[in-house]
Protein backbone atom coordinates (compact mmCIF):
# COMPACT_ATOMS: atom_id res chain seq x y z
CA MET A 1 95.79 89.78 193.44
CA ASN A 2 97.58 92.79 195.63
CA ARG A 3 100.98 93.47 195.64
CA ILE A 4 102.34 91.89 198.74
CA SER A 5 100.49 88.60 197.46
CA LEU A 6 102.67 89.11 193.99
CA VAL A 7 105.78 89.99 196.07
CA GLN A 8 105.16 86.51 198.23
CA ASN A 9 104.49 84.38 195.18
CA HIS A 10 107.99 85.93 193.57
CA LEU A 11 109.92 85.55 196.88
CA GLY A 12 108.63 81.42 196.57
CA GLY A 13 105.41 81.40 198.74
CA THR A 14 102.11 80.05 197.32
CA LYS A 15 102.98 80.12 193.70
CA LYS A 16 101.99 77.73 191.30
CA ALA A 17 104.80 74.73 190.04
CA TYR A 18 105.16 76.65 186.52
CA VAL A 19 103.19 78.66 184.36
CA ASP A 20 101.49 76.55 181.93
CA SER A 21 100.00 78.62 179.41
CA ALA A 22 101.89 81.20 177.66
CA TYR A 23 98.22 82.73 176.80
CA ASP A 24 97.71 84.21 180.52
CA PHE A 25 100.94 85.45 181.02
CA LEU A 26 100.37 89.15 180.88
CA SER A 27 96.55 88.50 181.37
CA PHE A 28 95.65 89.44 177.78
CA ASP A 29 91.84 89.12 178.77
CA ASP A 30 91.64 92.02 180.91
CA LEU A 31 91.74 93.46 177.21
CA LEU A 32 88.55 91.49 176.33
CA THR A 33 84.89 92.02 176.76
CA PRO A 34 83.46 89.43 179.55
CA ALA A 35 81.55 87.78 176.07
CA GLN A 36 85.06 87.28 174.34
CA ILE A 37 86.50 85.60 177.34
CA ALA A 38 83.28 83.81 177.32
CA LEU A 39 83.60 82.04 173.42
CA ARG A 40 87.56 81.79 173.82
CA LYS A 41 86.74 79.52 176.58
CA SER A 42 84.45 77.75 174.96
CA VAL A 43 85.90 77.33 171.66
CA ARG A 44 89.39 76.22 173.98
CA GLU A 45 87.19 73.29 175.66
CA PHE A 46 85.47 72.23 172.01
CA ALA A 47 88.90 71.99 170.89
CA GLU A 48 90.81 69.78 173.32
CA ARG A 49 87.53 67.89 173.54
CA GLU A 50 86.89 67.45 169.96
CA ILE A 51 89.86 67.81 167.93
CA ALA A 52 92.68 67.26 170.09
CA PRO A 53 92.10 63.53 170.98
CA ARG A 54 91.61 62.04 167.25
CA ILE A 55 93.49 64.86 164.90
CA ASN A 56 96.90 63.40 164.83
CA GLU A 57 95.24 60.02 163.24
CA TYR A 58 94.30 62.74 159.99
CA ILE A 59 97.94 64.36 159.97
CA GLU A 60 99.24 60.88 160.19
CA LYS A 61 97.74 60.09 157.20
CA ALA A 62 97.16 63.45 155.15
CA ALA A 63 93.29 63.41 155.29
CA PHE A 64 90.56 65.62 156.02
CA PRO A 65 88.88 64.95 159.62
CA GLU A 66 85.57 64.32 158.93
CA PHE A 67 84.45 63.69 162.04
CA LEU A 68 84.30 67.07 162.85
CA ILE A 69 81.97 68.23 160.66
CA GLN A 70 78.87 67.12 162.90
CA PRO A 71 80.52 68.75 166.01
CA LEU A 72 81.44 71.88 164.46
CA ARG A 73 78.00 71.91 163.25
CA GLU A 74 76.29 71.73 166.55
CA PHE A 75 78.77 74.27 167.90
CA GLY A 76 77.89 76.55 165.45
CA LEU A 77 80.87 78.55 165.44
CA LEU A 78 81.01 79.59 161.80
CA LYS A 79 77.11 81.08 162.30
CA LYS A 80 78.47 83.28 165.23
CA PHE A 81 80.26 85.20 162.91
CA LEU A 82 78.22 85.47 160.14
CA GLN A 83 77.06 89.12 159.60
CA LYS A 84 73.32 89.60 160.38
CA PRO A 85 70.46 88.73 159.38
CA TYR A 86 72.14 85.39 158.33
CA GLY A 87 74.30 84.96 161.75
CA GLU A 88 75.10 86.45 165.13
CA GLY A 89 77.78 89.26 163.57
CA LEU A 90 80.37 88.69 166.09
CA ASP A 91 83.13 91.20 165.90
CA ALA A 92 86.84 90.67 164.78
CA MET A 93 88.34 90.15 167.83
CA SER A 94 86.00 87.33 169.13
CA LEU A 95 86.90 85.80 165.48
CA ALA A 96 90.54 86.80 166.38
CA VAL A 97 90.36 84.53 169.83
CA THR A 98 88.81 82.11 168.17
CA VAL A 99 91.62 81.36 165.83
CA VAL A 100 93.72 81.42 168.64
CA GLU A 101 92.52 78.50 170.75
CA LEU A 102 91.40 76.84 167.28
CA ALA A 103 95.33 76.65 166.05
CA ARG A 104 96.70 76.01 170.03
CA VAL A 105 95.66 72.52 168.99
CA ASP A 106 95.93 72.11 165.35
CA ALA A 107 96.34 74.70 162.79
CA SER A 108 95.22 72.56 159.80
CA VAL A 109 91.68 72.92 161.75
CA VAL A 110 91.59 76.40 161.70
CA THR A 111 93.07 76.80 157.93
CA PHE A 112 89.93 74.69 157.02
CA PHE A 113 87.57 76.99 159.34
CA LEU A 114 89.53 80.48 157.56
CA VAL A 115 88.87 78.87 153.91
CA GLN A 116 85.40 78.51 154.51
CA LEU A 117 84.38 81.47 156.72
CA ALA A 118 87.17 84.13 155.51
CA LEU A 119 87.47 83.47 152.19
CA VAL A 120 84.34 81.86 150.64
CA ILE A 121 81.50 83.52 153.23
CA HIS A 122 83.28 86.65 153.41
CA THR A 123 83.60 86.67 149.71
CA ILE A 124 79.67 85.60 149.19
CA GLU A 125 78.77 88.46 152.30
CA LEU A 126 80.49 91.00 150.24
CA PHE A 127 79.82 90.94 146.77
CA GLY A 128 77.08 88.47 146.68
CA SER A 129 73.85 89.19 146.02
CA ASP A 130 70.92 88.74 148.20
CA GLU A 131 70.12 86.08 146.26
CA GLN A 132 73.04 83.95 146.30
CA LYS A 133 73.65 85.01 149.96
CA ASN A 134 69.98 83.44 150.64
CA ARG A 135 71.33 80.14 148.14
CA TYR A 136 74.46 79.94 149.99
CA LEU A 137 75.06 81.48 153.42
CA GLU A 138 73.18 79.15 155.66
CA LYS A 139 74.39 76.52 154.07
CA LEU A 140 77.85 76.80 154.16
CA SER A 141 77.53 78.05 157.83
CA ASN A 142 76.04 74.76 159.00
CA LEU A 143 78.62 73.27 156.41
CA GLU A 144 76.14 71.28 154.30
CA ILE A 145 78.33 72.97 151.49
CA ILE A 146 82.28 73.15 151.67
CA GLY A 147 83.72 75.50 149.52
CA GLY A 148 87.67 77.05 148.21
CA TRP A 149 88.68 79.91 147.04
CA GLY A 150 90.92 79.90 143.74
CA LEU A 151 93.14 82.92 143.16
CA THR A 152 96.63 81.16 142.85
CA GLU A 153 97.14 79.54 140.00
CA ILE A 154 99.84 76.77 138.28
CA LYS A 155 102.45 79.36 136.71
CA ILE A 156 100.49 82.68 139.14
CA GLY A 157 101.69 82.66 142.95
CA SER A 158 102.54 85.89 144.06
CA ASP A 159 102.06 88.17 140.74
CA ALA A 160 98.17 87.16 141.56
CA SER A 161 96.73 90.15 139.14
CA SER A 162 98.36 88.48 136.58
CA LEU A 163 95.92 85.00 136.99
CA GLN A 164 95.31 83.84 133.15
CA THR A 165 92.05 81.92 133.82
CA THR A 166 89.39 83.38 131.75
CA VAL A 167 85.65 83.53 131.70
CA THR A 168 84.25 83.87 128.23
CA LYS A 169 80.35 85.21 128.09
CA VAL A 170 78.07 82.58 126.38
CA PRO A 171 73.79 82.89 126.40
CA GLY A 172 72.88 82.01 129.61
CA GLY A 173 76.58 82.03 131.59
CA TYR A 174 80.14 82.02 130.82
CA ARG A 175 82.05 79.63 129.75
CA LEU A 176 85.65 78.68 132.37
CA ASN A 177 88.87 77.82 130.99
CA GLY A 178 92.28 77.69 132.98
CA ASP A 179 93.60 76.54 136.33
CA LYS A 180 94.12 76.77 140.13
CA ARG A 181 96.79 75.21 142.93
CA TRP A 182 97.08 75.36 146.13
CA ILE A 183 93.22 75.59 146.57
CA GLY A 184 92.61 74.46 150.36
CA ASN A 185 88.75 72.20 150.48
CA GLY A 186 89.11 72.10 146.15
CA ASN A 187 87.56 68.81 146.38
CA ARG A 188 84.45 69.57 148.24
CA ASP A 189 81.49 71.30 146.72
CA ILE A 190 81.66 74.76 145.63
CA VAL A 191 84.99 77.00 144.95
CA VAL A 192 84.80 80.77 144.19
CA VAL A 193 87.21 81.46 141.55
CA TRP A 194 88.24 84.93 140.26
CA ALA A 195 89.16 84.69 136.82
CA ARG A 196 89.28 87.44 133.87
CA ASP A 197 86.76 88.35 131.32
CA SER A 198 87.95 87.56 127.95
CA GLU A 199 86.33 90.70 126.43
CA THR A 200 86.16 93.38 129.11
CA LYS A 201 89.93 92.21 130.91
CA LYS A 202 88.16 92.32 134.34
CA VAL A 203 88.69 90.03 137.06
CA GLY A 204 85.37 88.77 138.66
CA ALA A 205 84.39 86.33 141.40
CA TYR A 206 82.35 83.31 139.75
CA ILE A 207 80.65 80.50 142.08
CA VAL A 208 81.92 76.98 140.27
CA ASN A 209 79.81 73.98 141.14
CA MET A 210 83.01 71.07 141.39
CA LYS A 211 80.83 68.65 139.59
CA SER A 212 80.39 70.17 137.16
CA GLU A 213 81.45 69.00 133.45
CA GLY A 214 85.11 69.97 132.73
CA VAL A 215 86.37 70.32 135.83
CA THR A 216 89.22 68.25 137.27
CA SER A 217 90.16 68.13 141.13
CA THR A 218 93.44 66.52 141.95
CA VAL A 219 94.16 66.47 146.25
CA ILE A 220 98.34 67.82 146.14
CA LYS A 221 100.45 64.85 147.27
CA ASN A 222 103.34 64.32 149.60
CA LYS A 223 102.35 67.57 151.71
CA LEU A 224 104.29 67.55 154.63
CA ALA A 225 102.33 70.60 156.45
CA LEU A 226 98.92 71.41 156.85
CA ARG A 227 98.34 67.56 156.02
CA SER A 228 94.76 67.28 156.45
CA VAL A 229 94.07 70.56 154.50
CA GLN A 230 93.07 68.93 150.78
CA ASN A 231 95.15 70.97 149.05
CA CYS A 232 94.03 70.90 145.26
CA GLU A 233 95.21 71.38 141.85
CA ILE A 234 92.13 72.47 139.68
CA ARG A 235 91.93 72.61 136.16
CA PHE A 236 88.73 73.77 134.24
CA ASN A 237 88.22 73.21 130.57
CA ASN A 238 85.15 74.53 128.45
CA VAL A 239 83.37 74.37 132.11
CA PHE A 240 79.72 76.39 131.66
CA ILE A 241 78.91 78.83 134.80
CA PRO A 242 75.41 79.92 135.16
CA GLU A 243 74.80 83.69 135.14
CA GLU A 244 73.59 83.50 138.70
CA GLU A 245 76.80 82.16 139.84
CA LYS A 246 78.61 85.51 139.11
CA LEU A 247 79.05 87.83 142.35
CA PRO A 248 77.67 90.94 141.11
CA LYS A 249 79.73 92.97 143.22
CA ALA A 250 83.11 92.12 142.70
CA THR A 251 83.86 94.04 139.57
CA ASP A 252 87.93 94.31 139.53
CA PHE A 253 90.96 92.57 140.85
CA ASN A 254 90.24 94.92 143.09
CA ALA A 255 87.71 92.44 145.20
CA THR A 256 90.82 89.83 145.48
CA ASN A 257 92.04 92.58 147.77
CA GLN A 258 89.18 93.63 149.86
CA ILE A 259 89.20 89.95 150.81
CA LEU A 260 92.59 89.53 151.60
CA ARG A 261 92.59 92.12 153.53
CA HIS A 262 89.94 90.45 156.04
CA SER A 263 91.42 87.12 156.32
CA ARG A 264 95.03 88.55 156.51
CA VAL A 265 93.51 90.29 159.84
CA PHE A 266 93.27 86.70 161.20
CA LEU A 267 96.38 84.72 160.04
CA PRO A 268 98.99 86.42 162.58
CA TRP A 269 96.34 84.88 165.49
CA THR A 270 96.81 81.74 163.47
CA ALA A 271 100.65 82.40 164.13
CA LEU A 272 99.76 83.13 167.76
CA GLY A 273 97.80 80.16 168.47
CA VAL A 274 100.35 77.58 166.97
CA CYS A 275 103.30 79.13 169.28
CA ILE A 276 101.33 79.31 172.32
CA GLY A 277 100.57 75.70 171.63
CA THR A 278 104.03 75.36 171.47
CA TYR A 279 105.10 76.57 174.72
CA ASP A 280 102.28 75.38 176.09
CA ASN A 281 103.34 71.57 175.08
CA ALA A 282 107.08 72.60 175.99
CA ILE A 283 106.59 73.20 179.00
CA LYS A 284 104.99 70.59 180.27
CA TYR A 285 107.03 67.91 178.45
CA LEU A 286 109.94 69.89 180.48
CA SER A 287 108.95 70.41 183.72
CA GLU A 288 107.90 66.56 183.96
CA ARG A 289 110.85 65.27 181.95
CA LYS A 290 113.89 64.66 184.52
CA GLN A 291 117.89 64.23 183.59
CA PHE A 292 120.81 64.30 185.46
CA GLY A 293 117.43 63.86 188.32
CA VAL A 294 116.19 66.80 188.02
CA PRO A 295 113.67 68.51 185.87
CA LEU A 296 114.79 69.95 182.25
CA THR A 297 112.93 73.03 183.34
CA SER A 298 116.13 73.11 186.13
CA PHE A 299 118.59 73.95 183.67
CA GLN A 300 119.86 77.64 182.54
CA LEU A 301 120.08 77.02 178.51
CA VAL A 302 115.94 75.70 178.81
CA GLN A 303 115.11 78.52 180.92
CA GLU A 304 116.57 80.90 178.39
CA LYS A 305 115.21 79.51 175.48
CA LEU A 306 111.79 79.36 177.38
CA THR A 307 112.03 82.98 178.15
CA ARG A 308 112.82 83.72 174.50
CA ILE A 309 109.55 81.85 173.36
CA MET A 310 107.05 83.57 175.91
CA GLY A 311 108.86 87.02 175.17
CA SER A 312 107.82 86.53 171.24
CA ILE A 313 104.37 85.62 172.19
CA GLN A 314 103.29 88.45 174.04
CA ALA A 315 104.90 91.02 171.55
CA MET A 316 102.63 88.90 169.21
CA ILE A 317 99.40 89.59 171.16
CA MET A 318 100.10 92.83 171.46
CA PHE A 319 100.90 93.56 168.02
CA ASN A 320 98.06 90.97 166.89
CA TRP A 321 95.55 93.15 169.53
CA ARG A 322 96.29 96.34 168.53
CA THR A 323 96.53 95.76 164.72
CA THR A 324 92.61 94.17 165.00
CA ILE A 325 91.71 96.97 166.87
CA LEU A 326 91.89 99.61 163.94
CA TYR A 327 90.91 96.81 161.52
CA GLU A 328 87.47 96.57 163.46
CA GLN A 329 87.65 100.99 163.55
CA ASP A 330 88.40 100.61 159.94
CA LYS A 331 91.41 102.77 160.09
CA ALA A 332 94.26 99.59 159.55
CA SER A 333 96.09 99.88 156.28
CA ILE A 334 97.11 97.29 153.97
CA GLY A 335 100.61 98.18 155.01
CA GLN A 336 99.87 97.60 158.74
CA ILE A 337 97.97 94.29 158.19
CA ALA A 338 100.81 93.59 156.18
CA LEU A 339 103.82 93.95 158.77
CA ASN A 340 101.37 92.23 161.39
CA LYS A 341 101.27 89.48 159.00
CA ALA A 342 105.28 89.58 158.14
CA TRP A 343 106.57 90.35 162.01
CA VAL A 344 104.06 87.78 163.52
CA THR A 345 104.96 84.74 160.74
CA LEU A 346 108.72 85.72 161.46
CA LYS A 347 108.99 85.37 164.93
CA GLY A 348 106.59 82.31 164.58
CA ARG A 349 109.38 80.78 162.90
CA GLU A 350 111.80 81.23 165.52
CA VAL A 351 109.73 80.74 168.53
CA VAL A 352 108.36 76.49 166.85
CA ALA A 353 112.38 76.51 165.80
CA LEU A 354 113.48 76.85 169.81
CA GLY A 355 109.83 74.77 170.95
CA ARG A 356 111.41 71.73 168.66
CA GLU A 357 115.02 72.04 169.90
CA LEU A 358 113.90 72.46 173.73
CA LEU A 359 112.20 68.86 173.70
CA GLY A 360 115.40 66.99 171.68
CA GLY A 361 114.75 63.83 169.95
CA ASN A 362 111.39 63.61 171.23
CA GLY A 363 110.68 66.86 169.23
CA ILE A 364 110.52 65.33 166.07
CA VAL A 365 107.36 62.82 167.59
CA LEU A 366 104.17 64.10 166.04
CA ASP A 367 102.36 63.15 169.58
CA ASN A 368 104.43 66.01 171.15
CA TYR A 369 103.07 68.73 168.54
CA VAL A 370 106.47 70.76 168.27
CA ILE A 371 107.22 69.13 164.91
CA LYS A 372 103.68 69.36 163.26
CA ALA A 373 104.15 73.18 164.76
CA MET A 374 107.18 73.39 162.96
CA ALA A 375 106.45 72.46 159.59
CA ASP A 376 102.41 74.34 159.78
CA MET A 377 104.25 77.35 160.59
CA GLU A 378 106.28 77.13 157.44
CA VAL A 379 103.05 77.30 155.53
CA ILE A 380 101.53 80.20 157.73
CA TYR A 381 104.55 82.19 157.00
CA THR A 382 104.24 81.17 153.17
CA TYR A 383 100.19 81.57 152.44
CA GLU A 384 98.15 84.59 151.46
CA GLY A 385 100.82 86.46 150.74
CA THR A 386 104.95 85.23 151.41
CA TYR A 387 106.69 87.15 154.27
CA ASP A 388 108.95 89.09 151.53
CA VAL A 389 105.64 90.24 149.31
CA ASN A 390 103.77 91.57 153.03
CA ALA A 391 107.13 92.92 153.79
CA LEU A 392 107.40 94.91 150.49
CA VAL A 393 103.70 95.82 150.79
CA ALA A 394 104.22 97.40 154.16
CA GLY A 395 107.63 99.09 152.49
CA ARG A 396 105.72 100.53 150.03
CA GLU A 397 103.70 102.41 152.66
CA LEU A 398 106.83 103.41 154.48
CA THR A 399 108.84 104.47 151.51
CA GLY A 400 106.01 105.36 149.00
CA ILE A 401 108.26 103.70 146.68
CA ALA A 402 106.81 100.27 144.97
CA ALA A 403 109.26 97.39 145.06
CA PHE A 404 107.88 94.63 143.87
CA LYS A 405 109.31 94.11 140.41
CA ALA A 406 112.90 94.61 139.10
CA SER A 407 113.41 98.14 137.97
CA SER A 408 113.02 98.40 134.32
CA LYS A 409 116.57 100.18 134.33
CA GLN A 410 118.59 97.74 135.34
């Protein structure tokens, strides 16, 4: 569009009634390739067609949306991001825009997707043997097998390097003892468990069949966010793990950092998608609902809140985009990734709170999206490194001083 046409639009010419999606305001697609744009649009169509009409039923009853397995399998979404020869090997930016479009409709679904892909599949891709890749990757990508990723424990959260779950070498394999908590998909087929070797004290990764004797998995109840994600508390009592289920290239705790460095790149995109969903649902509601004889969008306070939401979203887009470009170039530091996650989720809390506020009493109804967004953002703000921990990771890079633990001099 030329400058004259833009001015005519701004002065009241042939303009749209309202900006119906926060994604488009600064033409983010101009920074993407045609293939990335086409993928993003196809994921949006998929999410609106397959997820949106039914997901609230499963949110309401805190149940996993089994109905999505077959459509996801037919769409082949996971396989697009597996590295060749097991998948198409699409780039990080393609995954980023996929995450945005899934999260725009529902954060629980994108969380399930990222656990399966960025944690379970990526761990096996990075640290597994060829035999393990051949055995698991195709079945994981087409959802014949659904997996969880077990690092957090009942007594060990942010201080993950102190994990207490152990393996002991025995003939033919290992014996696993300990527990894990908050494990998404932890009641399904397999879990990649991080455990400390009782002899060497080194942390390694082991693929655990959830049907093994001695495994007890319990879905955590009364959870008010990401309700359809089946987070579990898992206990391992002398569970036998065959030798061939140890990931040979995961040789110490630093392996977990490599996986989390990867997965944390996409969490700010999850937060962004939820924020875009908040704006897109709010602007439609506010434009259609009238009070005092005029649309709610006619009021100054409403417009001020909408501009704050839009401004925050555009800043998130650019922060996420730049960090992901650096990641693709293998230039992104752990501190940059941590700052991205911390700042975007912090602003995300503000955005979803404004969205809920704008809808008034109707803002607490699930069908209007914003209360779900507000609850889910609390989890996104917290998981895979709380805001505080990610801020300290960034702070360590800024200052050269690690401040995770209280000084021994105090």
